C-alpha atoms as a PDB file:
ATOM      1  CA  MET A   1    -157.933  -7.616 110.531  1.00  0.00           C
ATOM      2  CA  GLU A   2    -156.394  -6.733 113.911  1.00  0.00           C
ATOM      3  CA  ARG A   3    -158.997  -4.015 114.445  1.00  0.00           C
ATOM      4  CA  PHE A   4    -161.759  -6.524 113.789  1.00  0.00           C
ATOM      5  CA  LYS A   5    -160.255  -9.055 116.180  1.00  0.00           C
ATOM      6  CA  LYS A   6    -160.373  -6.539 119.019  1.00  0.00           C
ATOM      7  CA  GLY A   7    -164.086  -6.035 118.485  1.00  0.00           C
ATOM      8  CA  GLY A   8    -164.852  -9.709 118.100  1.00  0.00           C
ATOM      9  CA  ARG A   9    -165.952 -11.856 115.204  1.00  0.00           C
ATOM     10  CA  MET A  10    -169.480 -10.450 115.172  1.00  0.00           C
ATOM     11  CA  GLN A  11    -168.148  -6.975 114.329  1.00  0.00           C
ATOM     12  CA  MET A  12    -166.019  -8.371 111.487  1.00  0.00           C
ATOM     13  CA  TYR A  13    -168.917 -10.287 109.969  1.00  0.00           C
ATOM     14  CA  LEU A  14    -171.276  -7.319 110.358  1.00  0.00           C
ATOM     15  CA  VAL A  15    -168.924  -5.074 108.398  1.00  0.00           C
ATOM     16  CA  MET A  16    -168.590  -7.701 105.650  1.00  0.00           C
ATOM     17  CA  LEU A  17    -172.333  -8.256 105.365  1.00  0.00           C
ATOM     18  CA  LEU A  18    -173.171  -4.551 105.342  1.00  0.00           C
ATOM     19  CA  GLY A  19    -170.571  -4.007 102.646  1.00  0.00           C
ATOM     20  CA  TYR A  20    -171.998  -6.834 100.554  1.00  0.00           C
ATOM     21  CA  TYR A  21    -175.554  -5.596 100.983  1.00  0.00           C
ATOM     22  CA  ALA A  22    -174.579  -2.031 100.058  1.00  0.00           C
ATOM     23  CA  PHE A  23    -172.761  -3.246  96.943  1.00  0.00           C
ATOM     24  CA  THR A  24    -175.657  -5.378  95.683  1.00  0.00           C
ATOM     25  CA  THR A  25    -178.148  -2.590  96.400  1.00  0.00           C
ATOM     26  CA  MET A  26    -176.173   0.170  94.669  1.00  0.00           C
ATOM     27  CA  THR A  27    -175.494  -1.981  91.611  1.00  0.00           C
ATOM     28  CA  GLY A  28    -179.122  -3.046  91.321  1.00  0.00           C
ATOM     29  CA  ARG A  29    -178.393  -6.724  91.877  1.00  0.00           C
ATOM     30  CA  ASN A  30    -181.107  -6.922  94.549  1.00  0.00           C
ATOM     31  CA  SER A  31    -183.781  -5.903  92.039  1.00  0.00           C
ATOM     32  CA  LYS A  32    -186.172  -8.448  90.592  1.00  0.00           C
ATOM     33  CA  ARG A  33    -184.037 -10.843  88.626  1.00  0.00           C
ATOM     34  CA  SER A  34    -184.528 -12.478  85.277  1.00  0.00           C
ATOM     35  CA  THR A  35    -185.858 -16.000  85.103  1.00  0.00           C
ATOM     36  CA  THR A  36    -183.818 -16.919  82.038  1.00  0.00           C
ATOM     37  CA  SER A  37    -181.292 -19.716  82.456  1.00  0.00           C
ATOM     38  CA  ASP A  38    -178.330 -17.533  81.437  1.00  0.00           C
ATOM     39  CA  ALA A  39    -178.943 -14.796  84.000  1.00  0.00           C
ATOM     40  CA  PRO A  40    -176.964 -14.993  87.258  1.00  0.00           C
ATOM     41  CA  SER A  41    -179.184 -15.650  90.260  1.00  0.00           C
ATOM     42  CA  THR A  42    -178.817 -13.084  93.034  1.00  0.00           C
ATOM     43  CA  PRO A  43    -178.713 -14.552  96.565  1.00  0.00           C
ATOM     44  CA  ASP A  44    -181.948 -14.112  98.501  1.00  0.00           C
ATOM     45  CA  SER A  45    -180.167 -13.756 101.852  1.00  0.00           C
ATOM     46  CA  PHE A  46    -176.781 -13.634 103.513  1.00  0.00           C
ATOM     47  CA  GLY A  47    -175.309 -14.751 106.810  1.00  0.00           C
ATOM     48  CA  TYR A  48    -172.198 -16.131 108.438  1.00  0.00           C
ATOM     49  CA  ASP A  49    -170.762 -19.277 109.956  1.00  0.00           C
ATOM     50  CA  ASP A  50    -169.150 -19.068 113.389  1.00  0.00           C
ATOM     51  CA  ASP A  51    -166.656 -21.709 114.544  1.00  0.00           C
ATOM     52  CA  GLY A  52    -167.687 -24.020 111.716  1.00  0.00           C
ATOM     53  CA  GLU A  53    -171.372 -24.082 112.628  1.00  0.00           C
ATOM     54  CA  ALA A  54    -173.754 -23.871 109.701  1.00  0.00           C
ATOM     55  CA  ALA A  55    -175.429 -20.528 109.152  1.00  0.00           C
ATOM     56  CA  SER A  56    -179.167 -20.823 108.930  1.00  0.00           C
ATOM     57  CA  SER A  57    -180.508 -21.129 105.395  1.00  0.00           C
ATOM     58  CA  THR A  58    -184.095 -21.458 104.281  1.00  0.00           C
ATOM     59  CA  PRO A  59    -184.380 -24.762 102.366  1.00  0.00           C
ATOM     60  CA  GLY A  60    -184.167 -24.117  98.651  1.00  0.00           C
ATOM     61  CA  GLN A  61    -183.097 -20.488  99.067  1.00  0.00           C
ATOM     62  CA  LEU A  62    -179.837 -19.276  97.513  1.00  0.00           C
ATOM     63  CA  ALA A  63    -177.851 -17.471 100.193  1.00  0.00           C
ATOM     64  CA  ARG A  64    -174.451 -15.825 100.435  1.00  0.00           C
ATOM     65  CA  GLN A  65    -172.499 -16.858 103.527  1.00  0.00           C
ATOM     66  CA  PHE A  66    -169.148 -15.979 105.088  1.00  0.00           C
ATOM     67  CA  THR A  67    -166.887 -18.182 107.182  1.00  0.00           C
ATOM     68  CA  GLU A  68    -163.412 -17.942 108.665  1.00  0.00           C
ATOM     69  CA  ALA A  69    -160.536 -19.345 106.644  1.00  0.00           C
ATOM     70  CA  ARG A  70    -156.909 -19.291 107.734  1.00  0.00           C
ATOM     71  CA  GLY A  71    -157.032 -15.982 109.593  1.00  0.00           C
ATOM     72  CA  SER A  72    -159.222 -14.285 106.981  1.00  0.00           C
ATOM     73  CA  TRP A  73    -162.658 -15.081 105.632  1.00  0.00           C
ATOM     74  CA  LEU A  74    -164.183 -16.980 102.739  1.00  0.00           C
ATOM     75  CA  SER A  75    -167.404 -15.985 101.013  1.00  0.00           C
ATOM     76  CA  TYR A  76    -169.571 -18.614  99.388  1.00  0.00           C
ATOM     77  CA  LEU A  77    -172.986 -19.219  97.883  1.00  0.00           C
ATOM     78  CA  GLN A  78    -175.103 -21.988  99.338  1.00  0.00           C
ATOM     79  CA  VAL A  79    -178.430 -23.641  98.704  1.00  0.00           C
ATOM     80  CA  VAL A  80    -179.629 -26.391 101.017  1.00  0.00           C
ATOM     81  CA  GLY A  81    -182.119 -29.165 100.284  1.00  0.00           C
ATOM     82  CA  LYS A  82    -183.378 -32.062 102.376  1.00  0.00           C
ATOM     83  CA  SER A  83    -181.101 -34.741 100.934  1.00  0.00           C
ATOM     84  CA  ASP A  84    -177.806 -35.809 102.514  1.00  0.00           C
ATOM     85  CA  ALA A  85    -175.466 -35.142  99.583  1.00  0.00           C
ATOM     86  CA  THR A  86    -172.901 -32.348  99.305  1.00  0.00           C
ATOM     87  CA  LEU A  87    -171.713 -30.748  96.069  1.00  0.00           C
ATOM     88  CA  ILE A  88    -168.875 -28.188  96.012  1.00  0.00           C
ATOM     89  CA  MET A  89    -168.581 -26.084  92.867  1.00  0.00           C
ATOM     90  CA  LEU A  90    -165.310 -24.289  92.049  1.00  0.00           C
ATOM     91  CA  HIS A  91    -165.530 -21.470  89.529  1.00  0.00           C
ATOM     92  CA  ARG A  92    -163.115 -20.444  86.810  1.00  0.00           C
ATOM     93  CA  THR A  93    -164.056 -16.779  86.398  1.00  0.00           C
ATOM     94  CA  SER A  94    -161.882 -14.160  88.104  1.00  0.00           C
ATOM     95  CA  LEU A  95    -165.125 -12.741  89.487  1.00  0.00           C
ATOM     96  CA  SER A  96    -167.561 -14.294  91.960  1.00  0.00           C
ATOM     97  CA  ALA A  97    -168.896 -17.847  91.777  1.00  0.00           C
ATOM     98  CA  GLU A  98    -172.282 -16.151  91.455  1.00  0.00           C
ATOM     99  CA  VAL A  99    -171.446 -15.172  87.856  1.00  0.00           C
ATOM    100  CA  GLU A 100    -170.695 -18.737  86.818  1.00  0.00           C
ATOM    101  CA  PHE A 101    -172.991 -20.886  88.973  1.00  0.00           C
ATOM    102  CA  GLY A 102    -175.639 -18.619  90.523  1.00  0.00           C
ATOM    103  CA  ALA A 103    -178.327 -19.417  87.949  1.00  0.00           C
ATOM    104  CA  MET A 104    -177.969 -23.197  88.166  1.00  0.00           C
ATOM    105  CA  MET A 105    -177.568 -23.751  91.908  1.00  0.00           C
ATOM    106  CA  PRO A 106    -181.296 -23.530  92.811  1.00  0.00           C
ATOM    107  CA  GLN A 107    -181.929 -26.215  90.181  1.00  0.00           C
ATOM    108  CA  LEU A 108    -179.721 -28.606  92.173  1.00  0.00           C
ATOM    109  CA  VAL A 109    -181.420 -28.174  95.548  1.00  0.00           C
ATOM    110  CA  SER A 110    -182.909 -31.676  95.367  1.00  0.00           C
ATOM    111  CA  ILE A 111    -179.481 -33.271  95.814  1.00  0.00           C
ATOM    112  CA  GLY A 112    -178.809 -31.650  99.205  1.00  0.00           C
ATOM    113  CA  ARG A 113    -176.206 -29.040 100.142  1.00  0.00           C
ATOM    114  CA  VAL A 114    -174.694 -27.178  97.166  1.00  0.00           C
ATOM    115  CA  VAL A 115    -171.809 -24.812  97.907  1.00  0.00           C
ATOM    116  CA  ALA A 116    -169.930 -22.510  95.535  1.00  0.00           C
ATOM    117  CA  PRO A 117    -167.112 -20.584  97.241  1.00  0.00           C
ATOM    118  CA  ASP A 118    -165.536 -17.452  95.886  1.00  0.00           C
ATOM    119  CA  ARG A 119    -161.955 -18.710  95.654  1.00  0.00           C
ATOM    120  CA  PRO A 120    -159.434 -16.575  97.617  1.00  0.00           C
ATOM    121  CA  CYS A 121    -158.592 -13.369  95.690  1.00  0.00           C
ATOM    122  CA  HIS A 122    -161.875 -13.719  93.763  1.00  0.00           C
ATOM    123  CA  GLY A 123    -165.329 -12.207  94.211  1.00  0.00           C
ATOM    124  CA  TYR A 124    -166.050 -11.380  97.860  1.00  0.00           C
ATOM    125  CA  SER A 125    -163.199 -13.507  99.267  1.00  0.00           C
ATOM    126  CA  PRO A 126    -160.011 -11.552 100.009  1.00  0.00           C
ATOM    127  CA  CYS A 127    -156.561 -12.934  99.325  1.00  0.00           C
ATOM    128  CA  LEU A 128    -155.091 -15.067 102.092  1.00  0.00           C
ATOM    129  CA  ALA A 129    -151.655 -14.219 103.488  1.00  0.00           C
ATOM    130  CA  ASP A 130    -150.007 -16.415 100.840  1.00  0.00           C
ATOM    131  CA  GLY A 131    -152.454 -15.618  98.050  1.00  0.00           C
ATOM    132  CA  GLU A 132    -154.587 -18.457  96.729  1.00  0.00           C
ATOM    133  CA  PRO A 133    -153.211 -21.874  97.704  1.00  0.00           C
ATOM    134  CA  SER A 134    -153.066 -24.123  94.641  1.00  0.00           C
ATOM    135  CA  ASN A 135    -153.881 -27.174  96.775  1.00  0.00           C
ATOM    136  CA  GLY A 136    -157.282 -25.766  97.753  1.00  0.00           C
ATOM    137  CA  SER A 137    -156.547 -26.060 101.487  1.00  0.00           C
ATOM    138  CA  TYR A 138    -159.026 -23.242 102.169  1.00  0.00           C
ATOM    139  CA  LEU A 139    -161.863 -25.643 101.277  1.00  0.00           C
ATOM    140  CA  SER A 140    -161.529 -27.376 104.641  1.00  0.00           C
ATOM    141  CA  SER A 141    -163.340 -24.400 106.207  1.00  0.00           C
ATOM    142  CA  LEU A 142    -166.475 -25.373 104.250  1.00  0.00           C
ATOM    143  CA  LEU A 143    -166.418 -28.903 105.656  1.00  0.00           C
ATOM    144  CA  ALA A 144    -165.225 -28.263 109.224  1.00  0.00           C
ATOM    145  CA  GLY A 145    -167.582 -29.324 112.000  1.00  0.00           C
ATOM    146  CA  ARG A 146    -169.846 -31.262 109.659  1.00  0.00           C
ATOM    147  CA  PRO A 147    -170.320 -35.033 109.394  1.00  0.00           C
ATOM    148  CA  SER A 148    -168.956 -36.654 106.255  1.00  0.00           C
ATOM    149  CA  PRO A 149    -171.632 -36.522 103.555  1.00  0.00           C
ATOM    150  CA  LYS A 150    -173.002 -39.846 102.393  1.00  0.00           C
ATOM    151  CA  ARG A 151    -172.683 -38.633  98.807  1.00  0.00           C
ATOM    152  CA  PHE A 152    -169.994 -36.132  97.904  1.00  0.00           C
ATOM    153  CA  GLY A 153    -169.356 -34.541  94.509  1.00  0.00           C
ATOM    154  CA  LEU A 154    -167.101 -31.810  93.116  1.00  0.00           C
ATOM    155  CA  VAL A 155    -167.502 -29.530  90.118  1.00  0.00           C
ATOM    156  CA  ALA A 156    -164.466 -27.620  88.857  1.00  0.00           C
ATOM    157  CA  SER A 157    -164.362 -25.175  85.955  1.00  0.00           C
ATOM    158  CA  GLY A 158    -160.982 -24.460  84.377  1.00  0.00           C
ATOM    159  CA  ARG A 159    -157.517 -25.774  85.098  1.00  0.00           C
ATOM    160  CA  GLU A 160    -156.783 -24.063  88.426  1.00  0.00           C
ATOM    161  CA  ALA A 161    -160.102 -25.180  89.924  1.00  0.00           C
ATOM    162  CA  ALA A 162    -159.527 -28.704  88.549  1.00  0.00           C
ATOM    163  CA  GLU A 163    -156.212 -28.968  90.365  1.00  0.00           C
ATOM    164  CA  GLN A 164    -157.865 -27.919  93.633  1.00  0.00           C
ATOM    165  CA  ALA A 165    -160.714 -30.402  93.168  1.00  0.00           C
ATOM    166  CA  LEU A 166    -158.363 -33.302  92.426  1.00  0.00           C
ATOM    167  CA  THR A 167    -156.268 -32.428  95.491  1.00  0.00           C
ATOM    168  CA  LEU A 168    -159.361 -32.335  97.712  1.00  0.00           C
ATOM    169  CA  ALA A 169    -160.511 -35.698  96.349  1.00  0.00           C
ATOM    170  CA  ARG A 170    -157.184 -37.241  97.350  1.00  0.00           C
ATOM    171  CA  ARG A 171    -157.687 -35.960 100.903  1.00  0.00           C
ATOM    172  CA  ARG A 172    -161.366 -36.928 101.081  1.00  0.00           C
ATOM    173  CA  PRO A 173    -161.882 -40.543  99.941  1.00  0.00           C
ATOM    174  CA  GLU A 174    -165.656 -40.155 100.270  1.00  0.00           C
ATOM    175  CA  VAL A 175    -165.658 -38.042  97.071  1.00  0.00           C
ATOM    176  CA  GLN A 176    -167.579 -40.214  94.613  1.00  0.00           C
ATOM    177  CA  GLN A 177    -167.829 -38.038  91.517  1.00  0.00           C
ATOM    178  CA  ILE A 178    -165.889 -35.149  89.963  1.00  0.00           C
ATOM    179  CA  TRP A 179    -167.063 -33.039  87.045  1.00  0.00           C
ATOM    180  CA  LEU A 180    -164.239 -31.181  85.279  1.00  0.00           C
ATOM    181  CA  ILE A 181    -165.341 -28.418  82.902  1.00  0.00           C
ATOM    182  CA  ALA A 182    -162.755 -27.493  80.258  1.00  0.00           C
ATOM    183  CA  PRO A 183    -159.797 -28.525  82.452  1.00  0.00           C
ATOM    184  CA  SER A 184    -157.353 -27.429  79.744  1.00  0.00           C
ATOM    185  CA  ALA A 185    -158.524 -23.802  80.104  1.00  0.00           C
ATOM    186  CA  ALA A 186    -155.940 -22.021  82.281  1.00  0.00           C
ATOM    187  CA  ARG A 187    -155.924 -18.362  83.201  1.00  0.00           C
ATOM    188  CA  PRO A 188    -153.451 -16.202  81.263  1.00  0.00           C
ATOM    189  CA  GLU A 189    -149.982 -15.491  82.611  1.00  0.00           C
ATOM    190  CA  ALA A 190    -149.717 -11.965  83.991  1.00  0.00           C
ATOM    191  CA  THR A 191    -146.406 -11.439  82.176  1.00  0.00           C
ATOM    192  CA  LYS A 192    -148.207 -11.972  78.865  1.00  0.00           C
ATOM    193  CA  MET A 193    -151.049  -9.559  79.652  1.00  0.00           C
ATOM    194  CA  SER A 194    -149.108  -6.307  80.034  1.00  0.00           C
ATOM    195  CA  THR A 195    -150.386  -4.543  76.896  1.00  0.00           C
ATOM    196  CA  VAL A 196    -153.763  -4.043  75.248  1.00  0.00           C
ATOM    197  CA  GLU A 197    -152.549  -6.015  72.228  1.00  0.00           C
ATOM    198  CA  GLU A 198    -151.655  -8.998  74.403  1.00  0.00           C
ATOM    199  CA  VAL A 199    -155.070  -8.919  76.110  1.00  0.00           C
ATOM    200  CA  HIS A 200    -156.825  -8.779  72.724  1.00  0.00           C
ATOM    201  CA  GLY A 201    -154.629 -11.614  71.476  1.00  0.00           C
ATOM    202  CA  TRP A 202    -155.525 -13.818  74.450  1.00  0.00           C
ATOM    203  CA  LEU A 203    -159.237 -13.141  73.980  1.00  0.00           C
ATOM    204  CA  LYS A 204    -158.998 -14.005  70.272  1.00  0.00           C
ATOM    205  CA  ASP A 205    -156.964 -17.177  70.845  1.00  0.00           C
ATOM    206  CA  HIS A 206    -159.465 -18.411  73.433  1.00  0.00           C
ATOM    207  CA  HIS A 207    -162.565 -17.404  71.449  1.00  0.00           C
ATOM    208  CA  ALA A 208    -163.558 -15.276  74.435  1.00  0.00           C
ATOM    209  CA  ASP A 209    -165.701 -12.473  73.029  1.00  0.00           C
ATOM    210  CA  SER A 210    -168.101 -11.887  75.931  1.00  0.00           C
ATOM    211  CA  PRO A 211    -167.939  -8.902  78.335  1.00  0.00           C
ATOM    212  CA  ILE A 212    -167.294 -11.328  81.215  1.00  0.00           C
ATOM    213  CA  ALA A 213    -164.257 -12.751  79.413  1.00  0.00           C
ATOM    214  CA  ALA A 214    -162.871  -9.260  78.847  1.00  0.00           C
ATOM    215  CA  ILE A 215    -163.306  -8.397  82.534  1.00  0.00           C
ATOM    216  CA  ASP A 216    -161.697 -11.700  83.510  1.00  0.00           C
ATOM    217  CA  SER A 217    -158.617 -11.098  81.384  1.00  0.00           C
ATOM    218  CA  ALA A 218    -158.128  -7.592  82.762  1.00  0.00           C
ATOM    219  CA  ARG A 219    -158.578  -8.684  86.359  1.00  0.00           C
ATOM    220  CA  TRP A 220    -156.199 -11.635  86.006  1.00  0.00           C
ATOM    221  CA  ALA A 221    -153.579  -9.250  84.650  1.00  0.00           C
ATOM    222  CA  VAL A 222    -154.045  -6.937  87.648  1.00  0.00           C
ATOM    223  CA  LEU A 223    -154.006  -9.766  90.207  1.00  0.00           C
ATOM    224  CA  GLY A 224    -150.737 -11.096  88.813  1.00  0.00           C
ATOM    225  CA  GLY A 225    -149.287 -13.807  91.046  1.00  0.00           C
ATOM    226  CA  ALA A 226    -151.923 -13.549  93.798  1.00  0.00           C
ATOM    227  CA  THR A 227    -154.161 -16.209  92.284  1.00  0.00           C
ATOM    228  CA  SER A 228    -153.016 -19.793  91.914  1.00  0.00           C
ATOM    229  CA  ARG A 229    -151.727 -21.135  88.638  1.00  0.00           C
ATOM    230  CA  ALA A 230    -152.145 -24.823  87.917  1.00  0.00           C
ATOM    231  CA  SER A 231    -149.224 -27.121  87.263  1.00  0.00           C
ATOM    232  CA  ALA A 232    -148.295 -27.963  83.680  1.00  0.00           C
ATOM    233  CA  ASP A 233    -150.032 -31.346  84.010  1.00  0.00           C
ATOM    234  CA  LEU A 234    -153.000 -32.205  86.190  1.00  0.00           C
ATOM    235  CA  SER A 235    -152.099 -35.077  88.520  1.00  0.00           C
ATOM    236  CA  VAL A 236    -154.678 -37.793  89.079  1.00  0.00           C
ATOM    237  CA  ALA A 237    -152.324 -40.057  91.009  1.00  0.00           C
ATOM    238  CA  GLY A 238    -153.759 -41.156  94.330  1.00  0.00           C
ATOM    239  CA  LEU A 239    -157.402 -40.570  93.460  1.00  0.00           C
ATOM    240  CA  PRO A 240    -159.692 -43.126  95.120  1.00  0.00           C
ATOM    241  CA  LYS A 241    -160.459 -45.925  92.677  1.00  0.00           C
ATOM    242  CA  SER A 242    -164.136 -45.573  93.509  1.00  0.00           C
ATOM    243  CA  CYS A 243    -164.148 -41.940  92.344  1.00  0.00           C
ATOM    244  CA  LYS A 244    -165.630 -41.365  88.901  1.00  0.00           C
ATOM    245  CA  VAL A 245    -164.673 -38.433  86.683  1.00  0.00           C
ATOM    246  CA  THR A 246    -166.715 -36.708  84.002  1.00  0.00           C
ATOM    247  CA  VAL A 247    -164.894 -34.267  81.719  1.00  0.00           C
ATOM    248  CA  LEU A 248    -166.938 -31.764  79.717  1.00  0.00           C
ATOM    249  CA  TYR A 249    -165.591 -29.715  76.817  1.00  0.00           C
ATOM    250  CA  GLY A 250    -167.383 -27.003  74.877  1.00  0.00           C
ATOM    251  CA  GLU A 251    -167.211 -26.667  71.108  1.00  0.00           C
ATOM    252  CA  GLN A 252    -164.178 -24.389  71.226  1.00  0.00           C
ATOM    253  CA  ASP A 253    -162.332 -26.072  74.097  1.00  0.00           C
ATOM    254  CA  THR A 254    -159.151 -28.049  73.530  1.00  0.00           C
ATOM    255  CA  GLU A 255    -159.369 -31.602  74.845  1.00  0.00           C
ATOM    256  CA  ASP A 256    -156.678 -32.541  77.373  1.00  0.00           C
ATOM    257  CA  GLU A 257    -155.670 -35.909  75.966  1.00  0.00           C
ATOM    258  CA  GLU A 258    -152.907 -36.356  78.551  1.00  0.00           C
ATOM    259  CA  LEU A 259    -155.496 -36.057  81.331  1.00  0.00           C
ATOM    260  CA  SER A 260    -157.697 -38.710  79.704  1.00  0.00           C
ATOM    261  CA  GLN A 261    -154.715 -41.032  79.371  1.00  0.00           C
ATOM    262  CA  ALA A 262    -153.650 -40.443  82.977  1.00  0.00           C
ATOM    263  CA  LEU A 263    -157.137 -41.289  84.234  1.00  0.00           C
ATOM    264  CA  GLU A 264    -157.121 -44.490  82.211  1.00  0.00           C
ATOM    265  CA  ASN A 265    -153.669 -45.426  83.537  1.00  0.00           C
ATOM    266  CA  GLU A 266    -154.891 -44.942  87.122  1.00  0.00           C
ATOM    267  CA  GLY A 267    -157.900 -47.169  86.529  1.00  0.00           C
ATOM    268  CA  ILE A 268    -160.319 -44.281  87.115  1.00  0.00           C
ATOM    269  CA  THR A 269    -163.676 -44.525  85.369  1.00  0.00           C
ATOM    270  CA  ALA A 270    -163.838 -41.458  83.139  1.00  0.00           C
ATOM    271  CA  ASN A 271    -166.552 -40.146  80.836  1.00  0.00           C
ATOM    272  CA  VAL A 272    -165.308 -37.538  78.349  1.00  0.00           C
ATOM    273  CA  ARG A 273    -167.937 -35.512  76.502  1.00  0.00           C
ATOM    274  CA  ASN A 274    -167.347 -32.988  73.738  1.00  0.00           C
ATOM    275  CA  LEU A 275    -170.514 -30.920  73.490  1.00  0.00           C
ATOM    276  CA  GLY A 276    -171.823 -30.127  70.057  1.00  0.00           C
ATOM    277  CA  GLY A 277    -173.719 -27.168  68.694  1.00  0.00           C
ATOM    278  CA  GLY A 278    -176.848 -26.262  70.596  1.00  0.00           C
ATOM    279  CA  GLU A 279    -175.754 -27.963  73.828  1.00  0.00           C
ATOM    280  CA  ALA A 280    -175.390 -25.503  76.701  1.00  0.00           C
ATOM    281  CA  MET A 281    -172.612 -26.476  79.091  1.00  0.00           C
ATOM    282  CA  LEU A 282    -174.444 -25.615  82.316  1.00  0.00           C
ATOM    283  CA  ASP A 283    -177.685 -27.281  81.177  1.00  0.00           C
ATOM    284  CA  VAL A 284    -175.776 -30.493  80.451  1.00  0.00           C
ATOM    285  CA  LEU A 285    -174.023 -30.232  83.815  1.00  0.00           C
ATOM    286  CA  VAL A 286    -177.280 -29.763  85.735  1.00  0.00           C
ATOM    287  CA  GLU A 287    -178.852 -32.769  84.059  1.00  0.00           C
ATOM    288  CA  ASP A 288    -175.824 -34.966  84.704  1.00  0.00           C
ATOM    289  CA  VAL A 289    -175.457 -33.924  88.353  1.00  0.00           C
ATOM    290  CA  GLN A 290    -179.134 -34.589  88.987  1.00  0.00           C
ATOM    291  CA  GLN A 291    -178.894 -38.040  87.450  1.00  0.00           C
ATOM    292  CA  VAL A 292    -175.807 -39.023  89.449  1.00  0.00           C
ATOM    293  CA  MET A 293    -176.583 -37.399  92.812  1.00  0.00           C
ATOM    294  CA  GLY A 294    -180.306 -36.763  92.726  1.00  0.00           C
END
């Protein structure tokens, strides 16, 4: 980082963007992409933010951006519409947010600005000096220098992302809606992923039989303590009373009954949905987000 600082921010961003472009080109991710709903959508462009100013984005175009965050940088996907709402989407996968949300983000352009950061130590975002902060403090770099959105929503997939979203909502009272996807799903402990048998056992216990799940488990084991690990219980204390929470569980997810009870005790309006067979999680999420924020 010191070498980049001597040459200025432009040099640092240029190196990052060239590296990203080379990676997507060599891996074929810049080729014509599938139009099916389950295929990740490859960003059509990339750019950078400087001093909190918004990088230019063609309306409706999915773009990968980079911005400074606590002495390092943060990479994020963004699609911008003409509305005045903001939606931040926090991924669960150990990979990039593009894997989890890339296909659905263009479908949400009507609501306004949709942002999906690669959490520190994930995707194209390097680890910060102290790893990944569990309180999601890095998210302030996505909001710096911008007026408060008139409508503000958060999507969080998995337990670690849920903790970060709930913490941000306590700091930003203008957050009106939070969608929590499988908040009981926490990443595996590195100490329990030291052998092939333990990795296979975790995949079996969590009904995770996809290639992405296998990659996730291996990468979490390698990252060890660098990524954040959520607290034993998700705290909803201090959430604005006006904030509504929707909790979505897939067929094989375990419902967090303590979370539902805590929301009720805090007087927070909560809608808990257990999806049945044939209901695709991301399709349900898109429809719900559009109804609430569209």
